[in-house]
C-alpha atoms as a PDB file:
ATOM      1  CA  MET A   1     -51.389  26.845 -28.364  1.00  0.00           C
ATOM      2  CA  ARG A   2     -49.472  26.384 -25.063  1.00  0.00           C
ATOM      3  CA  SER A   3     -48.337  30.109 -25.365  1.00  0.00           C
ATOM      4  CA  LEU A   4     -51.892  31.301 -25.770  1.00  0.00           C
ATOM      5  CA  PHE A   5     -53.090  29.238 -22.962  1.00  0.00           C
ATOM      6  CA  VAL A   6     -50.425  30.675 -20.743  1.00  0.00           C
ATOM      7  CA  VAL A   7     -51.340  34.178 -21.660  1.00  0.00           C
ATOM      8  CA  ILE A   8     -54.964  33.560 -21.018  1.00  0.00           C
ATOM      9  CA  ILE A   9     -54.194  32.256 -17.559  1.00  0.00           C
ATOM     10  CA  GLY A  10     -51.834  35.200 -16.950  1.00  0.00           C
ATOM     11  CA  LEU A  11     -54.522  37.762 -17.996  1.00  0.00           C
ATOM     12  CA  PHE A  12     -56.977  36.108 -15.867  1.00  0.00           C
ATOM     13  CA  LEU A  13     -54.921  36.221 -12.831  1.00  0.00           C
ATOM     14  CA  ALA A  14     -53.627  39.743 -13.401  1.00  0.00           C
ATOM     15  CA  TRP A  15     -56.676  41.804 -14.633  1.00  0.00           C
ATOM     16  CA  PRO A  16     -58.779  41.998 -11.487  1.00  0.00           C
ATOM     17  CA  ALA A  17     -55.786  42.852  -9.143  1.00  0.00           C
ATOM     18  CA  ALA A  18     -54.451  45.463 -11.754  1.00  0.00           C
ATOM     19  CA  LEU A  19     -57.863  47.233 -11.658  1.00  0.00           C
ATOM     20  CA  ARG A  20     -57.731  47.412  -7.847  1.00  0.00           C
ATOM     21  CA  ALA A  21     -54.224  48.669  -7.599  1.00  0.00           C
ATOM     22  CA  GLU A  22     -54.034  51.969  -5.824  1.00  0.00           C
ATOM     23  CA  ASP A  23     -52.300  54.970  -7.059  1.00  0.00           C
ATOM     24  CA  GLU A  24     -50.524  55.731  -3.742  1.00  0.00           C
ATOM     25  CA  ALA A  25     -46.937  54.873  -3.376  1.00  0.00           C
ATOM     26  CA  SER A  26     -46.228  51.743  -1.151  1.00  0.00           C
ATOM     27  CA  ASP A  27     -44.699  51.672   2.348  1.00  0.00           C
ATOM     28  CA  PRO A  28     -41.362  53.750   2.116  1.00  0.00           C
ATOM     29  CA  HIS A  29     -39.717  51.068   4.056  1.00  0.00           C
ATOM     30  CA  GLU A  30     -40.638  48.400   1.314  1.00  0.00           C
ATOM     31  CA  THR A  31     -39.965  49.744  -2.073  1.00  0.00           C
ATOM     32  CA  ALA A  32     -38.208  46.776  -3.786  1.00  0.00           C
ATOM     33  CA  PHE A  33     -37.418  43.219  -3.188  1.00  0.00           C
ATOM     34  CA  VAL A  34     -35.010  40.335  -4.277  1.00  0.00           C
ATOM     35  CA  GLU A  35     -35.440  36.706  -3.963  1.00  0.00           C
ATOM     36  CA  ALA A  36     -33.743  33.401  -4.780  1.00  0.00           C
ATOM     37  CA  GLU A  37     -35.628  30.531  -6.068  1.00  0.00           C
ATOM     38  CA  GLY A  38     -35.342  26.756  -6.628  1.00  0.00           C
ATOM     39  CA  GLY A  39     -37.902  24.335  -8.101  1.00  0.00           C
ATOM     40  CA  TRP A  40     -38.668  20.992  -9.557  1.00  0.00           C
ATOM     41  CA  GLY A  41     -41.361  20.099 -12.375  1.00  0.00           C
ATOM     42  CA  PHE A  42     -42.184  18.365 -15.687  1.00  0.00           C
ATOM     43  CA  GLN A  43     -40.891  19.382 -18.932  1.00  0.00           C
ATOM     44  CA  LEU A  44     -43.771  19.238 -21.423  1.00  0.00           C
ATOM     45  CA  GLY A  45     -41.919  19.577 -24.874  1.00  0.00           C
ATOM     46  CA  GLU A  46     -42.316  17.272 -27.783  1.00  0.00           C
ATOM     47  CA  LEU A  47     -40.072  14.337 -27.178  1.00  0.00           C
ATOM     48  CA  PRO A  48     -40.111  10.803 -28.830  1.00  0.00           C
ATOM     49  CA  TYR A  49     -41.545   7.937 -26.659  1.00  0.00           C
ATOM     50  CA  LEU A  50     -38.750   5.594 -25.151  1.00  0.00           C
ATOM     51  CA  PRO A  51     -38.351   1.862 -25.968  1.00  0.00           C
ATOM     52  CA  ASP A  52     -39.460  -0.284 -23.353  1.00  0.00           C
ATOM     53  CA  GLY A  53     -37.642  -3.701 -23.779  1.00  0.00           C
ATOM     54  CA  SER A  54     -38.930  -4.599 -27.126  1.00  0.00           C
ATOM     55  CA  PRO A  55     -39.264  -3.136 -30.625  1.00  0.00           C
ATOM     56  CA  THR A  56     -43.076  -3.118 -30.177  1.00  0.00           C
ATOM     57  CA  GLN A  57     -43.368  -1.568 -26.581  1.00  0.00           C
ATOM     58  CA  PHE A  58     -42.828   2.215 -25.579  1.00  0.00           C
ATOM     59  CA  LYS A  59     -43.377   4.427 -22.517  1.00  0.00           C
ATOM     60  CA  HIS A  60     -43.857   7.999 -22.147  1.00  0.00           C
ATOM     61  CA  PRO A  61     -40.498   9.834 -21.701  1.00  0.00           C
ATOM     62  CA  LEU A  62     -41.572  11.646 -18.304  1.00  0.00           C
ATOM     63  CA  VAL A  63     -39.287  14.371 -18.377  1.00  0.00           C
ATOM     64  CA  THR A  64     -38.589  15.981 -15.129  1.00  0.00           C
ATOM     65  CA  GLY A  65     -35.822  18.338 -13.505  1.00  0.00           C
ATOM     66  CA  TRP A  66     -34.492  20.978 -11.251  1.00  0.00           C
ATOM     67  CA  SER A  67     -34.438  24.875 -11.780  1.00  0.00           C
ATOM     68  CA  ALA A  68     -32.668  27.695  -9.995  1.00  0.00           C
ATOM     69  CA  GLY A  69     -32.824  31.439 -10.422  1.00  0.00           C
ATOM     70  CA  PHE A  70     -33.345  35.018  -8.862  1.00  0.00           C
ATOM     71  CA  THR A  71     -36.170  37.634  -9.284  1.00  0.00           C
ATOM     72  CA  GLY A  72     -35.967  41.404  -8.419  1.00  0.00           C
ATOM     73  CA  GLY A  73     -38.777  43.916  -8.378  1.00  0.00           C
ATOM     74  CA  TRP A  74     -40.029  47.414  -7.623  1.00  0.00           C
ATOM     75  CA  LEU A  75     -43.343  47.945  -5.751  1.00  0.00           C
ATOM     76  CA  LEU A  76     -45.476  50.619  -7.602  1.00  0.00           C
ATOM     77  CA  ALA A  77     -48.315  50.037  -4.975  1.00  0.00           C
ATOM     78  CA  ASP A  78     -49.059  47.737  -2.004  1.00  0.00           C
ATOM     79  CA  ASP A  79     -50.431  45.176  -4.333  1.00  0.00           C
ATOM     80  CA  LEU A  80     -48.529  45.801  -7.572  1.00  0.00           C
ATOM     81  CA  ALA A  81     -45.036  45.321  -8.670  1.00  0.00           C
ATOM     82  CA  VAL A  82     -42.917  45.017 -11.767  1.00  0.00           C
ATOM     83  CA  ILE A  83     -40.400  42.302 -11.932  1.00  0.00           C
ATOM     84  CA  GLY A  84     -37.411  40.978 -13.777  1.00  0.00           C
ATOM     85  CA  SER A  85     -36.328  37.278 -13.507  1.00  0.00           C
ATOM     86  CA  TYR A  86     -33.638  34.979 -14.607  1.00  0.00           C
ATOM     87  CA  GLN A  87     -33.748  31.150 -14.371  1.00  0.00           C
ATOM     88  CA  TYR A  88     -31.607  28.184 -15.323  1.00  0.00           C
ATOM     89  CA  ARG A  89     -33.651  24.938 -15.979  1.00  0.00           C
ATOM     90  CA  THR A  90     -32.273  21.498 -16.774  1.00  0.00           C
ATOM     91  CA  ALA A  91     -34.276  18.185 -17.290  1.00  0.00           C
ATOM     92  CA  SER A  92     -33.894  14.553 -18.290  1.00  0.00           C
ATOM     93  CA  THR A  93     -36.136  11.796 -19.414  1.00  0.00           C
ATOM     94  CA  ARG A  94     -36.499   8.625 -17.440  1.00  0.00           C
ATOM     95  CA  ASP A  95     -34.387   5.674 -18.934  1.00  0.00           C
ATOM     96  CA  GLY A  96     -35.366   3.506 -21.743  1.00  0.00           C
ATOM     97  CA  SER A  97     -33.982   0.379 -23.172  1.00  0.00           C
ATOM     98  CA  LEU A  98     -34.132  -2.371 -26.123  1.00  0.00           C
ATOM     99  CA  THR A  99     -33.081  -5.681 -24.792  1.00  0.00           C
ATOM    100  CA  GLY A 100     -29.766  -6.561 -26.314  1.00  0.00           C
ATOM    101  CA  VAL A 101     -29.546  -3.482 -28.607  1.00  0.00           C
ATOM    102  CA  LEU A 102     -29.806  -0.413 -26.328  1.00  0.00           C
ATOM    103  CA  ASP A 103     -28.763  -0.811 -22.748  1.00  0.00           C
ATOM    104  CA  GLU A 104     -29.973   2.660 -22.036  1.00  0.00           C
ATOM    105  CA  VAL A 105     -31.617   5.506 -23.805  1.00  0.00           C
ATOM    106  CA  GLU A 106     -31.994   8.965 -22.314  1.00  0.00           C
ATOM    107  CA  GLY A 107     -32.877  12.617 -23.560  1.00  0.00           C
ATOM    108  CA  ARG A 108     -31.767  15.834 -21.776  1.00  0.00           C
ATOM    109  CA  ILE A 109     -32.378  19.399 -22.232  1.00  0.00           C
ATOM    110  CA  HIS A 110     -31.009  22.644 -20.269  1.00  0.00           C
ATOM    111  CA  TYR A 111     -31.655  26.214 -20.961  1.00  0.00           C
ATOM    112  CA  HIS A 112     -31.615  29.866 -19.558  1.00  0.00           C
ATOM    113  CA  THR A 113     -34.518  32.155 -19.499  1.00  0.00           C
ATOM    114  CA  PHE A 114     -35.051  35.933 -18.970  1.00  0.00           C
ATOM    115  CA  ALA A 115     -38.431  37.578 -18.256  1.00  0.00           C
ATOM    116  CA  VAL A 116     -39.996  40.856 -17.312  1.00  0.00           C
ATOM    117  CA  GLY A 117     -43.581  41.319 -16.160  1.00  0.00           C
ATOM    118  CA  VAL A 118     -45.906  42.260 -13.281  1.00  0.00           C
ATOM    119  CA  ARG A 119     -46.674  40.831  -9.929  1.00  0.00           C
ATOM    120  CA  LEU A 120     -49.854  41.253  -8.079  1.00  0.00           C
ATOM    121  CA  TYR A 121     -50.558  40.739  -4.356  1.00  0.00           C
ATOM    122  CA  ARG A 122     -53.758  40.431  -2.047  1.00  0.00           C
ATOM    123  CA  GLU A 123     -53.446  40.139   1.650  1.00  0.00           C
ATOM    124  CA  THR A 124     -54.987  36.916   2.860  1.00  0.00           C
ATOM    125  CA  GLY A 125     -54.513  35.365   6.190  1.00  0.00           C
ATOM    126  CA  PRO A 126     -50.761  35.597   7.729  1.00  0.00           C
ATOM    127  CA  GLY A 127     -49.469  36.394   4.486  1.00  0.00           C
ATOM    128  CA  ARG A 128     -50.300  37.160   0.860  1.00  0.00           C
ATOM    129  CA  LEU A 129     -51.690  35.575  -2.240  1.00  0.00           C
ATOM    130  CA  ARG A 130     -49.593  36.495  -5.274  1.00  0.00           C
ATOM    131  CA  SER A 131     -49.813  36.045  -8.997  1.00  0.00           C
ATOM    132  CA  GLU A 132     -47.274  36.773 -11.691  1.00  0.00           C
ATOM    133  CA  PHE A 133     -47.392  37.283 -15.492  1.00  0.00           C
ATOM    134  CA  ALA A 134     -44.182  37.911 -17.483  1.00  0.00           C
ATOM    135  CA  VAL A 135     -42.837  37.736 -21.071  1.00  0.00           C
ATOM    136  CA  GLY A 136     -39.234  36.846 -22.056  1.00  0.00           C
ATOM    137  CA  LEU A 137     -36.863  34.763 -23.952  1.00  0.00           C
ATOM    138  CA  THR A 138     -34.713  31.601 -23.716  1.00  0.00           C
ATOM    139  CA  LEU A 139     -31.174  31.847 -24.954  1.00  0.00           C
ATOM    140  CA  PRO A 140     -30.081  29.548 -27.607  1.00  0.00           C
ATOM    141  CA  PHE A 141     -30.281  26.036 -26.300  1.00  0.00           C
ATOM    142  CA  GLN A 142     -29.707  22.436 -27.187  1.00  0.00           C
ATOM    143  CA  THR A 143     -31.366  18.873 -26.605  1.00  0.00           C
ATOM    144  CA  THR A 144     -29.153  15.753 -26.284  1.00  0.00           C
ATOM    145  CA  ARG A 145     -30.216  12.128 -27.072  1.00  0.00           C
ATOM    146  CA  GLU A 146     -27.896   9.392 -25.837  1.00  0.00           C
ATOM    147  CA  TYR A 147     -27.575   5.741 -26.605  1.00  0.00           C
ATOM    148  CA  ASP A 148     -25.555   3.155 -24.734  1.00  0.00           C
ATOM    149  CA  TYR A 149     -25.214   0.235 -27.202  1.00  0.00           C
ATOM    150  CA  GLY A 150     -26.095  -3.334 -26.140  1.00  0.00           C
ATOM    151  CA  PRO A 151     -23.996  -6.473 -27.110  1.00  0.00           C
ATOM    152  CA  ALA A 152     -26.285  -7.246 -30.215  1.00  0.00           C
ATOM    153  CA  LEU A 153     -24.698  -4.414 -32.088  1.00  0.00           C
ATOM    154  CA  ALA A 154     -21.086  -5.343 -31.501  1.00  0.00           C
ATOM    155  CA  PRO A 155     -20.716  -7.683 -34.380  1.00  0.00           C
ATOM    156  CA  VAL A 156     -21.268  -4.816 -36.753  1.00  0.00           C
ATOM    157  CA  GLY A 157     -18.758  -2.614 -34.941  1.00  0.00           C
ATOM    158  CA  ILE A 158     -21.224  -0.459 -33.011  1.00  0.00           C
ATOM    159  CA  ARG A 159     -20.026  -0.174 -29.428  1.00  0.00           C
ATOM    160  CA  GLY A 160     -19.967   2.235 -26.397  1.00  0.00           C
ATOM    161  CA  THR A 161     -22.178   5.412 -26.548  1.00  0.00           C
ATOM    162  CA  GLY A 162     -23.906   7.315 -29.340  1.00  0.00           C
ATOM    163  CA  THR A 163     -25.221  10.866 -29.085  1.00  0.00           C
ATOM    164  CA  MET A 164     -27.311  13.299 -31.051  1.00  0.00           C
ATOM    165  CA  VAL A 165     -27.266  17.035 -30.179  1.00  0.00           C
ATOM    166  CA  ASP A 166     -30.022  19.389 -31.718  1.00  0.00           C
ATOM    167  CA  LYS A 167     -29.231  23.069 -31.343  1.00  0.00           C
ATOM    168  CA  TYR A 168     -31.772  25.921 -31.397  1.00  0.00           C
ATOM    169  CA  ASN A 169     -32.181  29.514 -31.691  1.00  0.00           C
ATOM    170  CA  VAL A 170     -33.459  32.283 -29.146  1.00  0.00           C
ATOM    171  CA  GLY A 171     -36.979  31.368 -28.305  1.00  0.00           C
ATOM    172  CA  TYR A 172     -39.784  33.794 -27.034  1.00  0.00           C
ATOM    173  CA  GLY A 173     -42.608  33.028 -24.706  1.00  0.00           C
ATOM    174  CA  VAL A 174     -44.567  33.608 -21.601  1.00  0.00           C
ATOM    175  CA  GLN A 175     -44.881  32.559 -18.124  1.00  0.00           C
ATOM    176  CA  ALA A 176     -47.627  32.618 -15.362  1.00  0.00           C
ATOM    177  CA  GLN A 177     -47.144  32.016 -11.650  1.00  0.00           C
ATOM    178  CA  VAL A 178     -49.498  31.777  -8.593  1.00  0.00           C
ATOM    179  CA  GLY A 179     -48.793  31.039  -4.916  1.00  0.00           C
ATOM    180  CA  TYR A 180     -48.579  32.251  -1.455  1.00  0.00           C
ATOM    181  CA  GLU A 181     -46.003  34.324   0.442  1.00  0.00           C
ATOM    182  CA  TRP A 182     -45.364  34.103   4.263  1.00  0.00           C
ATOM    183  CA  PRO A 183     -43.470  36.719   6.233  1.00  0.00           C
ATOM    184  CA  VAL A 184     -40.635  35.303   8.374  1.00  0.00           C
ATOM    185  CA  VAL A 185     -38.585  38.035  10.087  1.00  0.00           C
ATOM    186  CA  ASN A 186     -37.959  41.719  10.005  1.00  0.00           C
ATOM    187  CA  THR A 187     -34.362  42.731  10.031  1.00  0.00           C
ATOM    188  CA  PRO A 188     -32.280  45.957   9.590  1.00  0.00           C
ATOM    189  CA  TYR A 189     -31.354  44.706   6.145  1.00  0.00           C
ATOM    190  CA  GLY A 190     -34.976  43.786   4.858  1.00  0.00           C
ATOM    191  CA  ASN A 191     -38.080  41.920   5.841  1.00  0.00           C
ATOM    192  CA  LEU A 192     -37.523  38.114   4.980  1.00  0.00           C
ATOM    193  CA  TYR A 193     -40.134  35.902   3.508  1.00  0.00           C
ATOM    194  CA  VAL A 194     -40.685  32.631   1.989  1.00  0.00           C
ATOM    195  CA  ALA A 195     -43.179  31.780  -0.844  1.00  0.00           C
ATOM    196  CA  PHE A 196     -44.352  28.431  -2.395  1.00  0.00           C
ATOM    197  CA  LEU A 197     -45.597  28.739  -6.026  1.00  0.00           C
ATOM    198  CA  MET A 198     -46.680  26.895  -9.099  1.00  0.00           C
ATOM    199  CA  GLU A 199     -45.488  28.236 -12.367  1.00  0.00           C
ATOM    200  CA  LEU A 200     -46.474  27.353 -16.169  1.00  0.00           C
ATOM    201  CA  ARG A 201     -44.371  28.577 -18.871  1.00  0.00           C
ATOM    202  CA  ALA A 202     -44.017  28.145 -22.722  1.00  0.00           C
ATOM    203  CA  PHE A 203     -41.316  29.294 -25.094  1.00  0.00           C
ATOM    204  CA  GLN A 204     -40.998  28.604 -28.783  1.00  0.00           C
ATOM    205  CA  SER A 205     -37.899  28.262 -30.922  1.00  0.00           C
ATOM    206  CA  THR A 206     -36.605  26.983 -34.524  1.00  0.00           C
ATOM    207  CA  ASN A 207     -33.604  25.268 -35.604  1.00  0.00           C
ATOM    208  CA  ASN A 208     -33.281  27.528 -38.751  1.00  0.00           C
ATOM    209  CA  GLY A 209     -29.576  28.245 -39.389  1.00  0.00           C
ATOM    210  CA  ARG A 210     -28.503  25.778 -36.631  1.00  0.00           C
ATOM    211  CA  SER A 211     -27.083  22.352 -36.534  1.00  0.00           C
ATOM    212  CA  THR A 212     -27.529  18.664 -35.420  1.00  0.00           C
ATOM    213  CA  GLU A 213     -24.361  16.878 -34.376  1.00  0.00           C
ATOM    214  CA  LEU A 214     -24.170  13.181 -34.674  1.00  0.00           C
ATOM    215  CA  ASN A 215     -21.321  11.201 -32.750  1.00  0.00           C
ATOM    216  CA  ASN A 216     -21.340   7.486 -33.232  1.00  0.00           C
ATOM    217  CA  PHE A 217     -25.186   7.750 -33.354  1.00  0.00           C
ATOM    218  CA  VAL A 218     -27.473   5.083 -34.983  1.00  0.00           C
ATOM    219  CA  THR A 219     -30.285   7.151 -36.708  1.00  0.00           C
ATOM    220  CA  ASP A 220     -32.220   4.066 -37.866  1.00  0.00           C
ATOM    221  CA  LEU A 221     -32.085   0.804 -35.717  1.00  0.00           C
ATOM    222  CA  THR A 222     -34.330  -1.078 -38.155  1.00  0.00           C
ATOM    223  CA  ALA A 223     -31.647  -0.747 -41.060  1.00  0.00           C
ATOM    224  CA  VAL A 224     -29.813  -4.034 -42.141  1.00  0.00           C
ATOM    225  CA  PRO A 225     -27.036  -3.624 -40.983  1.00  0.00           C
ATOM    226  CA  PRO A 226     -27.435  -0.609 -38.936  1.00  0.00           C
ATOM    227  CA  ALA A 227     -24.841   2.128 -39.031  1.00  0.00           C
ATOM    228  CA  ALA A 228     -23.279   4.487 -36.490  1.00  0.00           C
ATOM    229  CA  ILE A 229     -22.994   8.034 -38.020  1.00  0.00           C
ATOM    230  CA  THR A 230     -20.534  10.870 -36.959  1.00  0.00           C
ATOM    231  CA  ALA A 231     -21.588  14.034 -38.773  1.00  0.00           C
ATOM    232  CA  THR A 232     -22.831  17.567 -38.417  1.00  0.00           C
ATOM    233  CA  ILE A 233     -25.936  18.359 -40.263  1.00  0.00           C
ATOM    234  CA  GLU A 234     -26.443  22.116 -41.007  1.00  0.00           C
ATOM    235  CA  HIS A 235     -30.123  23.216 -41.268  1.00  0.00           C
ATOM    236  CA  GLU A 236     -31.103  26.019 -43.700  1.00  0.00           C
ATOM    237  CA  LYS A 237     -31.776  29.433 -42.542  1.00  0.00           C
ATOM    238  CA  ASN A 238     -35.044  29.536 -44.293  1.00  0.00           C
ATOM    239  CA  GLY A 239     -36.394  26.257 -43.083  1.00  0.00           C
ATOM    240  CA  GLY A 240     -34.928  22.781 -42.628  1.00  0.00           C
ATOM    241  CA  PRO A 241     -36.157  19.527 -41.320  1.00  0.00           C
ATOM    242  CA  GLN A 242     -38.825  19.527 -38.684  1.00  0.00           C
ATOM    243  CA  PRO A 243     -37.060  19.791 -35.339  1.00  0.00           C
ATOM    244  CA  SER A 244     -37.633  16.926 -32.980  1.00  0.00           C
ATOM    245  CA  GLN A 245     -37.775  19.504 -30.036  1.00  0.00           C
ATOM    246  CA  TYR A 246     -38.668  23.319 -30.482  1.00  0.00           C
ATOM    247  CA  ALA A 247     -40.977  24.031 -27.606  1.00  0.00           C
ATOM    248  CA  VAL A 248     -39.624  24.570 -24.138  1.00  0.00           C
ATOM    249  CA  SER A 249     -42.593  24.363 -21.864  1.00  0.00           C
ATOM    250  CA  ASP A 250     -43.040  23.140 -18.290  1.00  0.00           C
ATOM    251  CA  VAL A 251     -45.083  23.294 -15.126  1.00  0.00           C
ATOM    252  CA  THR A 252     -42.900  23.610 -11.945  1.00  0.00           C
ATOM    253  CA  TRP A 253     -43.405  23.999  -8.236  1.00  0.00           C
ATOM    254  CA  ARG A 254     -41.106  26.637  -6.865  1.00  0.00           C
ATOM    255  CA  LEU A 255     -39.856  27.764  -3.428  1.00  0.00           C
ATOM    256  CA  ALA A 256     -38.523  31.288  -3.223  1.00  0.00           C
ATOM    257  CA  VAL A 257     -36.679  33.090  -0.322  1.00  0.00           C
ATOM    258  CA  GLY A 258     -36.698  36.741  -0.503  1.00  0.00           C
ATOM    259  CA  ALA A 259     -36.267  40.110   1.292  1.00  0.00           C
ATOM    260  CA  ARG A 260     -38.254  43.302   0.927  1.00  0.00           C
ATOM    261  CA  PHE A 261     -36.498  46.699   1.820  1.00  0.00           C
END
């Protein structure tokens, strides 16, 4: 559903401008562009709620993080370009705890994406409105859940830190972006600009044929007594247990610095 939602948004943004794109070539002095990007946003994947001090209280994980990447493109017309992009993203949950049992609980994710698509422009004010729609993939990625154990577990020999790492396959998805671009200065090497953008993306993967690695990790804190497990669980290629996190989806605010030449 998230992927379909992003597709609908992307088509809504792209279709009118694509119909208006002129057949003539763009300014011969501006036929291509490159830009570097940084961003901050919210990861929207399915993650379990965090314990909030007691066994009956929980809080939303609120997964946030930073990203960086670059985009290159070729102008087909004054208001239409084809683009390719790479981004590295990382995010983590806020901290949870369970008094006496878990001093800290945290989840993390990091991943790499590549995408190709179209970018559309409309001259407005001192700069340009722009929208972008692309399809792409995320390289195999993993999520990490980490427990710092409290003193209540020491009598049964559970101390230190426990981790659970879930590994996932290549994922496929879409991304849509809308924002505004301001010219900064013209130089002999390119016309510099900055842009502020909002981006929505969704990529889907599976854990088929991958593994879950447990290191000193308590999978059931309600067991009597609880046990810390160190093991590798291999998932079947034709379907294993339902993964705890298989959708890489987020909304991000981005700042880009680029040059047209």
